Amino acid sequence: MPGLLIRYLIRFVHQKEINEFIIQNQNIPPLEFVDRALELFEVNIKTTGLDNLPENPRVIVVANHPLGGLDGVGLTKVVSDNLDNGAKIMANDLLMNLVPMRPKFIGVNKHGGNVKSYIKDMHQSFSSKHAIIFFPAGLISRRRKGVIKDLEWKRTFIKKAVEYERDILPVHINGRVSGFFYRLANLRKFLGIRQNIEMLYLPNEMFKQRQQELVMTFGKPISWKTFTTDKQPEEWAQNVKEIVYGLNKKM
């Protein structure tokens, strides 16, 4: 690639700032790493509905994904602080390079990682007493017809809930990224480009979110027994998605 383009990318992915933070905090426990990340971005977390958290920590916490980074960090902090045994979070294989966070991550093979290792880790994690944090869309929310909302939620969390007899804890997170990100995503889709080129700008979007307030609303747990064969897992996933977005309307 041309040197000018490389310098542009280095600046917009905040390579220097991120590397400095990782190097300075590479040998600390996962939750301390989370705390320092929240301090770096001066994030204030406001929660409602914490009384809905169950006594049994073996839940799958599902949430919308408006920010693509800080929402995951903030949710890990809140759930770990309020549920016994803490929480683990589903993360793509690129994020597994954040060494301090590896004990909290459940790797998902999205970019060619070690499939067998991830499957084994996933089984052990879902069999454990930890809460599991899941962003079922798998992608940051997009803006369609002026509405910012997740794309289709994948069915995996429904299947795992039934398989491992884990209740679902729905959470809504308020937030949005810049208009530029949404416009670029829509333009890319309009042009028929399959690669999510807008994802290159997520680090820059994260740095724009400094001093933001994250508002998290926790709903009542949904029993895993709810997900009967009357509906397909894909349908149940969309039902839970609507419950999550309904939490925002109740605020």
Protein backbone atom coordinates (compact mmCIF):
# COMPACT_ATOMS: atom_id res chain seq x y z
CA MET A 1 0.00 0.00 0.00
CA PRO A 2 1.12 3.59 -0.55
CA GLY A 3 2.94 5.11 2.42
CA LEU A 4 0.40 7.92 2.63
CA LEU A 5 -2.43 5.40 3.07
CA ILE A 6 -0.47 3.47 5.71
CA ARG A 7 0.15 6.65 7.71
CA TYR A 8 -3.54 7.51 7.43
CA LEU A 9 -4.56 4.09 8.76
CA ILE A 10 -2.02 4.23 11.61
CA ARG A 11 -3.51 7.53 12.72
CA PHE A 12 -7.15 6.48 12.42
CA VAL A 13 -6.74 3.15 14.21
CA HIS A 14 -4.88 5.01 16.99
CA GLN A 15 -2.05 2.49 16.79
CA LYS A 16 0.32 4.47 19.02
CA GLU A 17 -2.20 5.17 21.81
CA ILE A 18 -3.57 1.63 21.86
CA ASN A 19 -0.12 0.02 21.84
CA GLU A 20 1.05 2.26 24.68
CA PHE A 21 -1.98 1.34 26.77
CA ILE A 22 -1.54 -2.40 26.12
CA ILE A 23 2.19 -2.30 26.94
CA GLN A 24 1.63 -0.34 30.15
CA ASN A 25 -1.08 -2.74 31.31
CA GLN A 26 0.01 -6.08 29.89
CA ASN A 27 0.67 -7.86 33.20
CA ILE A 28 -2.44 -7.04 35.22
CA PRO A 29 -5.59 -9.09 36.01
CA PRO A 30 -8.50 -8.86 33.54
CA LEU A 31 -10.87 -6.81 35.69
CA GLU A 32 -8.11 -4.34 36.55
CA PHE A 33 -7.47 -4.03 32.81
CA VAL A 34 -11.20 -3.29 32.35
CA ASP A 35 -11.09 -0.62 35.09
CA ARG A 36 -8.09 1.08 33.51
CA ALA A 37 -9.72 1.06 30.08
CA LEU A 38 -12.81 2.74 31.52
CA GLU A 39 -10.57 5.26 33.28
CA LEU A 40 -8.68 5.96 30.04
CA PHE A 41 -11.90 6.83 28.26
CA GLU A 42 -13.43 8.50 31.32
CA VAL A 43 -16.59 6.45 30.95
CA ASN A 44 -19.40 6.87 33.46
CA ILE A 45 -21.75 3.90 33.79
CA LYS A 46 -25.33 4.33 34.94
CA THR A 47 -27.44 1.24 35.57
CA THR A 48 -31.12 0.55 36.16
CA GLY A 49 -32.80 -2.76 36.95
CA LEU A 50 -29.88 -4.34 38.79
CA ASP A 51 -32.45 -5.87 41.12
CA ASN A 52 -33.36 -8.13 38.18
CA LEU A 53 -30.00 -9.89 38.39
CA PRO A 54 -30.69 -13.47 39.51
CA GLU A 55 -29.09 -15.27 42.44
CA ASN A 56 -27.98 -17.99 40.05
CA PRO A 57 -25.05 -16.52 38.09
CA ARG A 58 -25.29 -19.14 35.32
CA VAL A 59 -27.06 -16.83 32.90
CA ILE A 60 -26.41 -15.71 29.35
CA VAL A 61 -26.38 -11.92 29.35
CA VAL A 62 -27.51 -10.64 25.94
CA ALA A 63 -27.37 -7.01 24.84
CA ASN A 64 -27.53 -4.75 21.83
CA HIS A 65 -24.18 -3.58 20.48
CA PRO A 66 -24.28 0.19 19.83
CA LEU A 67 -20.62 1.04 20.38
CA GLY A 68 -18.54 -1.94 19.29
CA GLY A 69 -16.06 -1.80 22.18
CA LEU A 70 -16.78 0.26 25.25
CA ASP A 71 -20.22 -1.32 25.62
CA GLY A 72 -18.55 -4.72 26.01
CA VAL A 73 -15.99 -3.37 28.46
CA GLY A 74 -18.66 -1.62 30.52
CA LEU A 75 -21.01 -4.60 30.58
CA THR A 76 -18.19 -6.91 31.66
CA LYS A 77 -17.47 -4.52 34.54
CA VAL A 78 -21.08 -4.31 35.75
CA VAL A 79 -21.88 -8.03 35.46
CA SER A 80 -18.60 -9.10 37.07
CA ASP A 81 -19.15 -6.69 39.98
CA ASN A 82 -22.70 -7.85 40.64
CA LEU A 83 -22.82 -11.58 39.96
CA ASP A 84 -20.95 -14.27 41.86
CA ASN A 85 -18.20 -16.02 39.91
CA GLY A 86 -17.91 -13.07 37.51
CA ALA A 87 -18.45 -13.17 33.76
CA LYS A 88 -16.85 -14.27 30.52
CA ILE A 89 -17.53 -12.58 27.20
CA MET A 90 -17.76 -13.90 23.66
CA ALA A 91 -15.03 -12.27 21.57
CA ASN A 92 -13.72 -12.70 18.04
CA ASP A 93 -10.26 -14.13 17.53
CA LEU A 94 -8.66 -10.74 16.85
CA LEU A 95 -9.52 -9.62 20.39
CA MET A 96 -7.73 -12.69 21.76
CA ASN A 97 -4.54 -10.68 21.17
CA LEU A 98 -5.46 -8.59 24.23
CA VAL A 99 -3.48 -10.89 26.51
CA PRO A 100 -4.71 -9.52 29.89
CA MET A 101 -8.31 -10.15 28.83
CA ARG A 102 -7.87 -13.72 27.60
CA PRO A 103 -9.10 -15.31 30.86
CA LYS A 104 -12.38 -13.41 30.37
CA PHE A 105 -12.76 -14.10 26.64
CA ILE A 106 -14.46 -17.00 24.91
CA GLY A 107 -12.93 -17.07 21.46
CA VAL A 108 -15.13 -17.10 18.36
CA ASN A 109 -13.54 -18.20 15.09
CA LYS A 110 -14.25 -15.24 12.82
CA HIS A 111 -10.87 -14.55 11.24
CA GLY A 112 -9.27 -17.99 10.97
CA GLY A 113 -8.34 -18.85 14.55
CA ASN A 114 -7.89 -22.27 16.17
CA VAL A 115 -11.35 -23.81 15.70
CA LYS A 116 -10.85 -26.90 17.90
CA SER A 117 -9.44 -24.83 20.74
CA TYR A 118 -12.34 -22.37 20.58
CA ILE A 119 -14.96 -25.15 20.57
CA LYS A 120 -13.37 -26.74 23.64
CA ASP A 121 -13.14 -23.41 25.45
CA MET A 122 -16.76 -22.61 24.61
CA HIS A 123 -17.99 -25.91 26.05
CA GLN A 124 -15.97 -25.46 29.24
CA SER A 125 -17.19 -21.88 29.66
CA PHE A 126 -20.88 -22.67 29.15
CA SER A 127 -20.54 -25.63 31.52
CA SER A 128 -19.01 -23.39 34.20
CA LYS A 129 -20.63 -21.22 36.87
CA HIS A 130 -19.65 -17.98 35.12
CA ALA A 131 -22.18 -15.67 33.51
CA ILE A 132 -21.66 -15.46 29.74
CA ILE A 133 -21.94 -12.10 27.95
CA PHE A 134 -23.22 -12.30 24.39
CA PHE A 135 -23.76 -9.68 21.67
CA PRO A 136 -25.99 -11.75 19.34
CA ALA A 137 -25.78 -9.36 16.40
CA GLY A 138 -22.05 -10.01 16.16
CA LEU A 139 -21.65 -6.51 14.70
CA ILE A 140 -22.05 -2.94 15.90
CA SER A 141 -25.53 -1.47 15.35
CA ARG A 142 -26.31 0.17 12.01
CA ARG A 143 -28.62 3.01 11.03
CA ARG A 144 -31.48 2.08 8.73
CA LYS A 145 -34.13 4.62 7.73
CA GLY A 146 -33.00 6.91 10.53
CA VAL A 147 -33.25 4.21 13.23
CA ILE A 148 -30.11 2.94 14.99
CA LYS A 149 -30.54 -0.73 15.78
CA ASP A 150 -28.73 -4.05 15.67
CA LEU A 151 -28.94 -6.12 12.53
CA GLU A 152 -30.41 -9.62 12.79
CA TRP A 153 -29.56 -11.44 16.00
CA LYS A 154 -27.98 -14.85 15.45
CA ARG A 155 -29.59 -17.90 17.00
CA THR A 156 -26.51 -19.25 18.78
CA PHE A 157 -27.37 -17.83 22.21
CA ILE A 158 -30.81 -19.48 22.11
CA LYS A 159 -29.32 -22.87 21.28
CA LYS A 160 -26.70 -22.50 24.00
CA ALA A 161 -29.33 -21.44 26.55
CA VAL A 162 -31.29 -24.64 25.94
CA GLU A 163 -28.26 -26.90 25.63
CA TYR A 164 -26.68 -25.73 28.89
CA GLU A 165 -29.92 -24.85 30.72
CA ARG A 166 -29.00 -21.20 31.18
CA ASP A 167 -31.57 -18.45 31.58
CA ILE A 168 -31.27 -15.32 29.44
CA LEU A 169 -30.68 -11.92 31.09
CA PRO A 170 -31.65 -9.12 28.63
CA VAL A 171 -29.80 -5.80 28.77
CA HIS A 172 -30.27 -2.63 26.74
CA ILE A 173 -27.30 -0.25 26.32
CA ASN A 174 -27.84 3.33 25.20
CA GLY A 175 -25.30 4.76 22.79
CA ARG A 176 -24.37 5.56 19.21
CA VAL A 177 -21.30 6.21 17.12
CA SER A 178 -20.78 9.04 14.63
CA GLY A 179 -22.94 9.74 11.60
CA PHE A 180 -19.86 9.18 9.43
CA PHE A 181 -19.69 5.52 10.50
CA TYR A 182 -23.35 4.88 9.67
CA ARG A 183 -23.12 6.68 6.33
CA LEU A 184 -20.01 4.73 5.36
CA ALA A 185 -21.69 1.44 6.30
CA ASN A 186 -24.75 2.27 4.21
CA LEU A 187 -22.62 3.42 1.27
CA ARG A 188 -20.58 0.23 1.39
CA LYS A 189 -23.78 -1.84 1.36
CA PHE A 190 -25.23 0.25 -1.49
CA LEU A 191 -22.09 -0.34 -3.57
CA GLY A 192 -22.27 -4.08 -2.92
CA ILE A 193 -18.92 -4.26 -1.12
CA ARG A 194 -18.93 -7.33 1.12
CA GLN A 195 -15.96 -6.42 3.33
CA ASN A 196 -16.99 -4.35 6.36
CA ILE A 197 -14.55 -1.54 5.63
CA GLU A 198 -16.30 0.69 8.16
CA MET A 199 -14.92 -1.55 10.92
CA LEU A 200 -11.50 0.04 10.34
CA TYR A 201 -12.91 3.17 11.94
CA LEU A 202 -14.09 1.53 15.17
CA PRO A 203 -10.92 2.42 17.12
CA ASN A 204 -11.37 6.05 16.08
CA GLU A 205 -15.04 5.88 17.08
CA MET A 206 -14.02 4.54 20.48
CA PHE A 207 -11.71 7.48 21.08
CA LYS A 208 -14.55 9.83 20.12
CA GLN A 209 -16.63 8.34 22.95
CA ARG A 210 -14.47 9.76 25.73
CA GLN A 211 -16.40 11.13 28.71
CA GLN A 212 -19.58 9.41 27.56
CA GLU A 213 -22.24 8.06 29.91
CA LEU A 214 -23.22 4.44 29.35
CA VAL A 215 -26.80 3.75 30.43
CA MET A 216 -27.54 0.05 30.93
CA THR A 217 -31.03 -1.26 31.63
CA PHE A 218 -31.35 -4.81 32.95
CA GLY A 219 -34.57 -6.72 32.34
CA LYS A 220 -36.03 -9.75 34.08
CA PRO A 221 -34.40 -13.12 33.35
CA ILE A 222 -36.06 -15.30 30.71
CA SER A 223 -36.16 -19.01 31.56
CA TRP A 224 -34.40 -21.29 29.11
CA LYS A 225 -37.54 -23.43 29.18
CA THR A 226 -39.31 -20.62 27.31
CA PHE A 227 -37.53 -21.54 24.10
CA THR A 228 -39.69 -24.45 23.02
CA THR A 229 -39.87 -26.08 19.61
CA ASP A 230 -43.02 -24.07 18.85
CA LYS A 231 -40.67 -21.59 17.18
CA GLN A 232 -37.37 -21.87 15.40
CA PRO A 233 -34.27 -20.63 17.32
CA GLU A 234 -34.02 -17.77 14.79
CA GLU A 235 -37.52 -16.60 15.73
CA TRP A 236 -36.81 -16.81 19.45
CA ALA A 237 -33.65 -14.77 18.91
CA GLN A 238 -35.63 -11.95 17.30
CA ASN A 239 -38.21 -12.13 20.11
CA VAL A 240 -35.48 -11.59 22.70
CA LYS A 241 -34.04 -8.77 20.60
CA GLU A 242 -37.40 -6.97 20.74
CA ILE A 243 -37.52 -7.49 24.51
CA VAL A 244 -34.10 -5.83 24.80
CA TYR A 245 -35.17 -2.81 22.76
CA GLY A 246 -38.40 -2.68 24.74
CA LEU A 247 -36.34 -2.07 27.90
CA ASN A 248 -35.27 1.29 26.46
CA LYS A 249 -38.90 2.33 26.00
CA LYS A 250 -39.67 1.56 29.66
CA MET A 251 -37.03 3.96 30.98
